Amino acid sequence: MTGTHPLTGTIPWRLGFLCGLLAGCLCAAGGLHADEPKSQSPLGGGGQGDLEYKVEWSPGQERLAAIEVNTGRWRSVGPVIKGVKFTLEDGQGKRREDKIGPCDGEWEKAFEVAKEQSLIGISGRHGAVLDSVRFHFSDGKTSPRYGGSGGDHEYRLLLKGQAGQFQGQVRGFHAKALSNALTGIGLLLSGSDGQPAVLLTDDPAAGFSVTVRGAIDEEIAPIAGQLTTLFYQCYPALVERFENPKKPAARHITLTFKRNLSVPAYCTGAEISINVDWLKRRPDDLGLLTHELTHVVQAYPVSNPSWLIEGIADYARHRYGPKVQPGWQLPQRLTARQSYRNSYGVAARFLLWLETKHPKVIDQVHSRMQNREFSIEDFKTLTGKTVDELWQECVKDLNQ
C-alpha cells in the first residue's frame, strides 16, 4: 500500500534493536516528574512461550546494586539463559531481590554494580532461546558475557547517549520464556525532560538503520522485535537488487505502530506505518514489512501502473521473506477469469512465472519504471510477446 504520513527516528545495522518508544504517564517518584514518559523496548530474542515476567524499580528512589544470571542447558544445548536476579537498593541501604525467568539452572557469580554506575542496556545472542546476555553501564563498562557462544542472531538494546548523557533511564526488565529458558528480554524505560527514552545500537560502518516507535504495548513488543530483525535480514537484499543507482535508496527507515488504520500498513518515502490492530489479529503477518520496504526501494514516479507496483512488492515478499509466512502465500494456479491487473498476489504470481521464462525481465521492467522510461509495450520488446499473450501462456502453464 502507499499513502501519506510523516514519521521520524533511528537504529543501525546488525541484528540489534532500536527504538524511539511510545510515551505514557509516569508516576512521580524521586527526581522524575509525573509527565515524564515511560515505555518498553521490543524484546531482544524471538519471545516464544507463554511465561511472562516483569521487574521494575523507581529511578531516584532505588538503584540496581547487583545482578545474578541463572544458566543451564536447553534441549542438550547450552549453556543458555534461564533467568536473571536483580538486587535493588533504596536510599537507606535496604535491599530487595526480584527476578525474571524460570531459573532452574546454576547461578553465576554476582556482578556488583557500583553506586556511580547506572545500567544503560543489554546485548547478546539468541536463537530459539537467549543464548547469552551482557549488561552495559553508563561509565562504558560491561559485565561478563553470561551464557554460551551459540545463537544465530544478535540483539542489542542500548540507550542513545552522547558525552555521557543518555536519553532516558532503565527502570526494569520485561521478558518471555518457555518452561526452561528465557526466549526474549527487553527494557522498561523512563524518559526525561518530557521526552521518551530512545534506544539505539551502534554500528555506523554498516549503513542501514531503523527506528521503531509508536503504540508498542506488551502484546506488540515481541512482534516489533521480530519486525526489526526482519528489516536487517531483508532490506539490505532489497536495496542490493532494486536500488536505483541514480537515486540511492534510504538507509534509515522509520517504523511507526499506529491504531485504527484502515489498511495493514502503508509507506511514504522512508516512513512505514503499521496497523497495531491488524498485527494483534494476525501476529504472524510479518511479511507485510517486506512488501512495504520494497515500496521504499521502488521509489517509482506516479505514472507507473499500480498493478505492477504492488505485484513487484508481493513478488519481493515471496522472494525475500520471511521464509515461513503462515496465512499468506502466492496462488499456485491462475485462471482465465483473473487478470494480471488484479494486482498484489495475482500479479506477483504472474511475475514469478515470467521470471522462469525470462530471468532478467522483472529487473529490466523495474529499472525502466524507476527512470520514467516504462511503457506496457516493453513486455513485447523484452520477451517477444505482449503482456496479454504472456498472461494467457502463464495461465495455461499453471493449470497443466
Protein backbone atom coordinates (compact mmCIF):
# COMPACT_ATOMS: atom_id res chain seq x y z
CA MET A 1 0.00 0.00 0.00
CA THR A 2 1.06 3.55 -0.48
CA GLY A 3 -0.08 6.61 1.41
CA THR A 4 0.95 9.81 3.10
CA HIS A 5 2.09 10.16 6.72
CA PRO A 6 5.19 11.74 8.27
CA LEU A 7 7.37 9.62 10.62
CA THR A 8 10.70 10.14 12.30
CA GLY A 9 13.55 8.41 14.17
CA THR A 10 16.93 5.83 14.34
CA ILE A 11 18.79 2.15 14.80
CA PRO A 12 21.94 0.81 12.97
CA TRP A 13 22.88 -2.36 11.01
CA ARG A 14 23.17 -5.72 12.64
CA LEU A 15 20.60 -7.83 14.35
CA GLY A 16 20.12 -5.41 17.10
CA PHE A 17 17.12 -3.38 18.03
CA LEU A 18 16.49 0.35 18.06
CA CYS A 19 13.52 2.06 19.41
CA GLY A 20 12.20 5.59 19.88
CA LEU A 21 9.36 4.46 22.12
CA LEU A 22 5.75 5.17 22.97
CA ALA A 23 5.30 7.78 25.69
CA GLY A 24 2.95 7.28 28.64
CA CYS A 25 2.45 8.75 32.08
CA LEU A 26 4.99 8.02 34.79
CA CYS A 27 4.03 8.46 38.41
CA ALA A 28 6.19 10.99 40.17
CA ALA A 29 8.99 9.26 42.06
CA GLY A 30 12.30 10.53 43.34
CA GLY A 31 13.54 13.07 40.84
CA LEU A 32 11.17 12.10 37.99
CA HIS A 33 8.20 14.26 37.07
CA ALA A 34 4.69 12.96 36.58
CA ASP A 35 4.68 13.99 32.93
CA GLU A 36 7.92 12.18 32.08
CA PRO A 37 7.05 9.28 29.75
CA LYS A 38 7.58 5.61 30.38
CA SER A 39 7.91 2.95 27.73
CA GLN A 40 9.23 -0.50 26.99
CA SER A 41 11.54 -1.74 24.29
CA PRO A 42 10.86 -4.55 21.85
CA LEU A 43 12.13 -7.91 23.05
CA GLY A 44 15.66 -8.96 22.22
CA GLY A 45 15.06 -12.54 21.08
CA GLY A 46 12.13 -14.31 19.47
CA GLY A 47 9.86 -14.10 22.52
CA GLN A 48 8.22 -17.53 22.19
CA GLY A 49 6.38 -19.11 25.11
CA ASP A 50 3.51 -18.21 27.42
CA LEU A 51 5.51 -17.29 30.52
CA GLU A 52 5.86 -13.54 31.07
CA TYR A 53 7.97 -11.69 33.63
CA LYS A 54 8.48 -8.10 34.73
CA VAL A 55 10.84 -6.46 37.22
CA GLU A 56 10.52 -2.75 37.89
CA TRP A 57 12.20 -0.18 40.14
CA SER A 58 11.97 3.57 40.67
CA PRO A 59 14.99 5.55 39.41
CA GLY A 60 15.84 8.13 42.01
CA GLN A 61 14.40 6.02 44.83
CA GLU A 62 16.13 2.71 44.13
CA ARG A 63 19.27 1.71 42.34
CA LEU A 64 20.41 -1.55 40.77
CA ALA A 65 23.04 -2.93 43.18
CA ALA A 66 23.79 -6.42 41.82
CA ILE A 67 22.92 -8.82 39.01
CA GLU A 68 22.99 -12.62 39.05
CA VAL A 69 22.39 -14.78 35.97
CA ASN A 70 20.99 -18.30 36.00
CA THR A 71 22.34 -20.54 33.21
CA GLY A 72 21.92 -24.15 32.14
CA ARG A 73 21.25 -26.46 29.22
CA TRP A 74 18.20 -26.39 26.97
CA ARG A 75 17.40 -29.44 24.80
CA SER A 76 21.01 -30.63 25.15
CA VAL A 77 22.22 -27.20 24.00
CA GLY A 78 23.88 -24.67 26.21
CA PRO A 79 24.56 -23.05 28.42
CA VAL A 80 21.64 -20.69 27.77
CA ILE A 81 19.97 -18.05 29.92
CA LYS A 82 17.44 -19.47 32.38
CA GLY A 83 16.79 -16.30 34.33
CA VAL A 84 18.20 -13.16 35.92
CA LYS A 85 18.03 -11.93 39.53
CA PHE A 86 18.27 -8.23 40.36
CA THR A 87 19.25 -6.83 43.74
CA LEU A 88 17.75 -3.37 44.31
CA GLU A 89 18.82 -0.92 47.00
CA ASP A 90 16.94 2.11 48.34
CA GLY A 91 18.38 5.33 49.76
CA GLN A 92 18.65 3.85 53.26
CA GLY A 93 20.64 0.84 52.02
CA LYS A 94 17.74 -1.59 52.33
CA ARG A 95 17.88 -4.28 49.69
CA ARG A 96 15.28 -6.41 47.94
CA GLU A 97 15.54 -9.06 45.22
CA ASP A 98 13.38 -9.73 42.18
CA LYS A 99 13.91 -11.98 39.18
CA ILE A 100 12.78 -12.92 35.69
CA GLY A 101 12.78 -16.36 34.09
CA PRO A 102 12.21 -19.98 35.22
CA CYS A 103 15.68 -20.07 36.89
CA ASP A 104 16.16 -23.86 37.02
CA GLY A 105 19.91 -23.80 36.31
CA GLU A 106 23.04 -22.68 38.15
CA TRP A 107 23.63 -19.15 39.42
CA GLU A 108 26.73 -17.43 38.08
CA LYS A 109 28.86 -15.21 40.30
CA ALA A 110 27.02 -12.00 41.17
CA PHE A 111 28.03 -8.83 39.32
CA GLU A 112 28.18 -5.90 41.74
CA VAL A 113 27.06 -2.54 40.34
CA ALA A 114 28.95 0.48 41.74
CA LYS A 115 26.94 3.41 43.07
CA GLU A 116 28.29 5.70 40.34
CA GLN A 117 27.18 3.27 37.61
CA SER A 118 23.75 3.13 36.01
CA LEU A 119 22.51 0.46 33.65
CA ILE A 120 22.07 1.71 30.06
CA GLY A 121 21.31 -1.52 28.18
CA ILE A 122 21.95 -5.13 27.29
CA SER A 123 23.28 -7.18 24.39
CA GLY A 124 23.76 -10.81 23.45
CA ARG A 125 22.84 -13.55 21.02
CA HIS A 126 19.76 -15.69 20.57
CA GLY A 127 18.26 -18.47 18.54
CA ALA A 128 15.05 -20.11 19.74
CA VAL A 129 16.07 -19.04 23.27
CA LEU A 130 18.50 -16.50 24.73
CA ASP A 131 21.99 -17.92 24.39
CA SER A 132 23.83 -15.07 26.11
CA VAL A 133 23.44 -11.70 27.78
CA ARG A 134 25.75 -8.87 28.78
CA PHE A 135 24.91 -5.72 30.77
CA HIS A 136 26.17 -2.25 29.76
CA PHE A 137 26.72 0.69 32.10
CA SER A 138 26.94 4.47 31.92
CA ASP A 139 30.70 4.56 32.56
CA GLY A 140 31.39 2.43 29.47
CA LYS A 141 31.98 -0.77 31.42
CA THR A 142 30.20 -4.06 30.76
CA SER A 143 29.51 -7.18 32.76
CA PRO A 144 30.98 -10.53 31.73
CA ARG A 145 29.07 -12.33 28.99
CA TYR A 146 26.75 -14.86 30.62
CA GLY A 147 25.58 -17.98 28.82
CA GLY A 148 27.10 -19.73 25.82
CA SER A 149 28.51 -18.84 22.43
CA GLY A 150 25.55 -20.07 20.35
CA GLY A 151 22.71 -18.15 18.76
CA ASP A 152 22.31 -17.17 15.11
CA HIS A 153 21.12 -13.63 15.83
CA GLU A 154 22.46 -10.67 17.77
CA TYR A 155 20.32 -8.39 19.89
CA ARG A 156 21.40 -5.05 21.31
CA LEU A 157 19.32 -2.60 23.35
CA LEU A 158 21.25 0.49 24.45
CA LEU A 159 20.14 3.95 25.49
CA LYS A 160 21.12 6.59 23.00
CA GLY A 161 23.74 8.87 24.52
CA GLN A 162 26.39 11.46 23.84
CA ALA A 163 29.22 12.66 26.09
CA GLY A 164 27.93 10.53 28.95
CA GLN A 165 24.38 11.93 28.75
CA PHE A 166 21.72 9.35 27.96
CA GLN A 167 18.23 9.84 26.60
CA GLY A 168 16.28 8.18 29.39
CA GLN A 169 16.82 5.70 32.20
CA VAL A 170 16.37 1.95 32.57
CA ARG A 171 13.67 1.27 35.15
CA GLY A 172 13.37 -2.50 34.81
CA PHE A 173 13.00 -5.50 32.53
CA HIS A 174 10.27 -7.47 30.82
CA ALA A 175 10.77 -10.96 29.43
CA LYS A 176 9.13 -14.03 27.94
CA ALA A 177 10.09 -17.65 28.47
CA LEU A 178 9.38 -21.28 27.87
CA SER A 179 9.24 -23.57 30.88
CA ASN A 180 13.03 -23.94 30.99
CA ALA A 181 14.67 -20.93 29.27
CA LEU A 182 14.22 -17.25 28.54
CA THR A 183 13.28 -16.58 24.92
CA GLY A 184 13.20 -12.78 24.93
CA ILE A 185 14.30 -9.91 27.16
CA GLY A 186 13.58 -6.20 26.93
CA LEU A 187 13.96 -2.98 28.90
CA LEU A 188 11.43 -0.88 30.79
CA LEU A 189 12.38 2.76 30.32
CA SER A 190 11.72 6.20 31.76
CA GLY A 191 12.09 9.35 29.68
CA SER A 192 13.46 12.67 30.84
CA ASP A 193 12.52 16.33 30.35
CA GLY A 194 9.18 15.24 28.95
CA GLN A 195 10.83 13.28 26.13
CA PRO A 196 10.62 9.49 25.68
CA ALA A 197 13.67 7.33 26.15
CA VAL A 198 15.49 6.43 22.92
CA LEU A 199 17.37 3.20 22.29
CA LEU A 200 19.84 2.51 19.56
CA THR A 201 22.53 0.12 18.54
CA ASP A 202 25.73 1.49 17.11
CA ASP A 203 27.47 0.05 14.05
CA PRO A 204 27.97 3.10 11.82
CA ALA A 205 30.03 1.27 9.20
CA ALA A 206 27.12 -0.95 8.23
CA GLY A 207 24.95 1.88 6.94
CA PHE A 208 21.42 0.57 7.49
CA SER A 209 19.31 1.73 10.42
CA VAL A 210 15.72 1.62 11.65
CA THR A 211 13.69 3.42 14.29
CA VAL A 212 10.71 1.71 15.89
CA ARG A 213 8.17 3.88 17.69
CA GLY A 214 4.51 4.36 18.39
CA ALA A 215 1.84 2.24 20.08
CA ILE A 216 4.12 -0.53 21.38
CA ASP A 217 2.36 -2.27 24.28
CA GLU A 218 3.22 -5.58 25.92
CA GLU A 219 1.43 -7.57 23.21
CA ILE A 220 3.11 -5.75 20.32
CA ALA A 221 6.64 -5.53 21.81
CA PRO A 222 7.80 -9.04 20.73
CA ILE A 223 6.29 -8.52 17.26
CA ALA A 224 8.12 -5.20 16.95
CA GLY A 225 11.34 -7.03 17.79
CA GLN A 226 10.66 -9.63 15.10
CA LEU A 227 9.95 -6.93 12.52
CA THR A 228 13.17 -5.14 13.42
CA THR A 229 15.08 -8.38 12.92
CA LEU A 230 13.32 -8.92 9.59
CA PHE A 231 14.33 -5.40 8.50
CA TYR A 232 18.02 -6.27 8.86
CA GLN A 233 17.52 -9.61 7.15
CA CYS A 234 15.65 -8.44 4.06
CA TYR A 235 16.19 -4.72 3.50
CA PRO A 236 19.89 -4.89 2.50
CA ALA A 237 18.98 -7.60 -0.05
CA LEU A 238 16.14 -5.47 -1.44
CA VAL A 239 18.47 -2.49 -1.77
CA GLU A 240 21.14 -4.58 -3.45
CA ARG A 241 18.74 -5.82 -6.09
CA PHE A 242 16.27 -2.98 -6.61
CA GLU A 243 18.09 0.25 -5.77
CA ASN A 244 18.20 2.94 -8.45
CA PRO A 245 21.90 3.87 -8.95
CA LYS A 246 20.81 7.37 -9.95
CA LYS A 247 18.81 7.84 -6.76
CA PRO A 248 20.09 5.69 -3.86
CA ALA A 249 17.50 4.21 -1.52
CA ALA A 250 17.16 5.44 2.05
CA ARG A 251 19.50 3.76 4.56
CA HIS A 252 17.42 4.82 7.54
CA ILE A 253 13.82 3.64 7.86
CA THR A 254 11.23 4.55 10.48
CA LEU A 255 8.50 2.12 11.57
CA THR A 256 5.60 3.68 13.45
CA PHE A 257 3.00 1.46 15.08
CA LYS A 258 -0.47 3.02 14.97
CA ARG A 259 -4.01 2.11 15.93
CA ASN A 260 -7.20 2.50 13.89
CA LEU A 261 -5.62 2.37 10.43
CA SER A 262 -7.78 1.25 7.51
CA VAL A 263 -5.00 -0.90 5.97
CA PRO A 264 -2.44 -3.31 7.48
CA ALA A 265 0.46 -0.99 6.61
CA TYR A 266 1.45 1.78 4.23
CA CYS A 267 4.63 3.53 3.11
CA THR A 268 5.56 7.11 2.32
CA GLY A 269 9.16 7.66 1.31
CA ALA A 270 11.32 6.07 4.01
CA GLU A 271 8.47 6.01 6.51
CA ILE A 272 6.24 2.99 7.18
CA SER A 273 3.11 2.99 9.32
CA ILE A 274 1.99 -0.39 10.70
CA ASN A 275 -1.52 -1.22 11.93
CA VAL A 276 -1.31 -2.42 15.55
CA ASP A 277 -4.88 -3.76 15.49
CA TRP A 278 -4.09 -5.83 12.40
CA LEU A 279 -0.97 -7.37 13.98
CA LYS A 280 -2.87 -8.27 17.13
CA ARG A 281 -5.27 -10.24 14.95
CA ARG A 282 -2.53 -11.51 12.61
CA PRO A 283 0.73 -11.65 14.65
CA ASP A 284 2.39 -13.90 12.05
CA ASP A 285 1.88 -11.41 9.20
CA LEU A 286 5.47 -10.16 9.38
CA GLY A 287 5.88 -10.23 5.61
CA LEU A 288 3.82 -7.06 5.30
CA LEU A 289 7.05 -5.26 6.24
CA THR A 290 8.94 -6.76 3.27
CA HIS A 291 6.15 -5.58 0.98
CA GLU A 292 6.37 -2.02 2.32
CA LEU A 293 10.18 -1.97 2.33
CA THR A 294 10.03 -2.88 -1.35
CA HIS A 295 7.98 0.28 -1.91
CA VAL A 296 10.73 2.26 -0.18
CA VAL A 297 13.31 0.96 -2.65
CA GLN A 298 11.00 1.19 -5.67
CA ALA A 299 10.52 4.96 -5.30
CA TYR A 300 8.60 4.98 -8.59
CA PRO A 301 7.19 8.07 -10.31
CA VAL A 302 3.39 8.22 -10.12
CA SER A 303 2.96 7.37 -13.80
CA ASN A 304 3.53 3.61 -13.41
CA PRO A 305 0.66 1.07 -13.34
CA SER A 306 -0.44 0.22 -9.79
CA TRP A 307 -0.91 -3.48 -10.56
CA LEU A 308 2.76 -3.76 -11.45
CA ILE A 309 3.93 -1.72 -8.44
CA GLU A 310 2.01 -3.91 -5.99
CA GLY A 311 2.80 -7.08 -7.93
CA ILE A 312 6.55 -6.46 -7.66
CA ALA A 313 6.15 -5.71 -3.93
CA ASP A 314 4.36 -9.03 -3.31
CA TYR A 315 6.87 -10.80 -5.55
CA ALA A 316 9.63 -9.40 -3.30
CA ARG A 317 7.73 -10.52 -0.19
CA HIS A 318 7.67 -14.04 -1.61
CA ARG A 319 11.37 -13.94 -2.56
CA TYR A 320 12.84 -12.18 0.47
CA GLY A 321 10.78 -13.48 3.30
CA PRO A 322 10.23 -14.32 5.94
CA LYS A 323 10.73 -17.90 4.81
CA VAL A 324 7.64 -19.11 6.66
CA GLN A 325 4.55 -16.91 6.28
CA PRO A 326 1.50 -18.56 7.92
CA GLY A 327 -1.73 -17.48 6.29
CA TRP A 328 -0.04 -15.89 3.27
CA GLN A 329 1.21 -17.33 0.01
CA LEU A 330 1.07 -16.62 -3.69
CA PRO A 331 -1.63 -18.57 -5.56
CA GLN A 332 -0.43 -21.83 -7.02
CA ARG A 333 -2.75 -21.56 -10.02
CA LEU A 334 -4.25 -18.71 -12.01
CA THR A 335 -7.42 -18.79 -14.09
CA ALA A 336 -8.68 -17.06 -17.22
CA ARG A 337 -11.26 -15.27 -15.06
CA GLN A 338 -8.41 -13.47 -13.32
CA SER A 339 -6.10 -10.83 -14.75
CA TYR A 340 -2.61 -9.58 -14.03
CA ARG A 341 -4.41 -6.30 -13.34
CA ASN A 342 -5.85 -7.90 -10.19
CA SER A 343 -2.58 -6.75 -8.64
CA TYR A 344 -0.88 -7.99 -5.44
CA GLY A 345 -0.63 -11.79 -5.21
CA VAL A 346 -2.09 -12.49 -8.64
CA ALA A 347 0.29 -10.11 -10.37
CA ALA A 348 3.17 -11.41 -8.23
CA ARG A 349 2.44 -15.00 -9.25
CA PHE A 350 2.42 -13.90 -12.88
CA LEU A 351 5.80 -12.21 -12.39
CA LEU A 352 7.20 -15.27 -10.64
CA TRP A 353 6.20 -17.39 -13.63
CA LEU A 354 7.54 -14.78 -16.04
CA GLU A 355 10.91 -14.89 -14.30
CA THR A 356 11.21 -18.61 -15.11
CA LYS A 357 10.77 -17.85 -18.81
CA HIS A 358 12.74 -14.59 -18.98
CA PRO A 359 15.09 -14.40 -15.94
CA LYS A 360 16.03 -10.71 -16.25
CA VAL A 361 12.71 -9.22 -17.24
CA ILE A 362 11.49 -8.17 -13.77
CA ASP A 363 14.67 -6.21 -13.10
CA GLN A 364 14.56 -4.67 -16.57
CA VAL A 365 10.93 -3.56 -16.19
CA HIS A 366 11.61 -2.32 -12.67
CA SER A 367 14.58 -0.23 -13.81
CA ARG A 368 12.56 1.37 -16.60
CA MET A 369 9.78 2.20 -14.14
CA GLN A 370 12.25 3.93 -11.82
CA ASN A 371 13.67 6.01 -14.67
CA ARG A 372 10.32 7.11 -16.19
CA GLU A 373 11.05 5.00 -19.27
CA PHE A 374 8.41 2.27 -18.90
CA SER A 375 5.52 1.59 -21.24
CA ILE A 376 3.37 -1.54 -21.41
CA GLU A 377 4.87 -2.31 -24.84
CA ASP A 378 8.18 -3.03 -23.04
CA PHE A 379 6.95 -6.54 -22.30
CA LYS A 380 6.92 -7.32 -26.02
CA THR A 381 10.27 -5.58 -26.55
CA LEU A 382 11.87 -7.64 -23.79
CA THR A 383 10.15 -11.00 -24.31
CA GLY A 384 8.78 -11.01 -27.84
CA LYS A 385 5.18 -11.22 -26.56
CA THR A 386 2.64 -8.71 -25.30
CA VAL A 387 1.70 -8.75 -21.63
CA ASP A 388 -1.72 -10.24 -22.53
CA GLU A 389 -0.09 -13.02 -24.53
CA LEU A 390 2.27 -13.73 -21.64
CA TRP A 391 -0.66 -13.84 -19.21
CA GLN A 392 -2.52 -16.38 -21.35
CA GLU A 393 0.59 -18.54 -21.54
CA CYS A 394 1.07 -18.26 -17.77
CA VAL A 395 -2.50 -19.37 -17.01
CA LYS A 396 -2.11 -22.32 -19.37
CA ASP A 397 1.21 -23.41 -17.83
CA LEU A 398 0.00 -23.16 -14.23
CA ASN A 399 -3.09 -25.25 -14.93
CA GLN A 400 -1.43 -28.20 -16.65
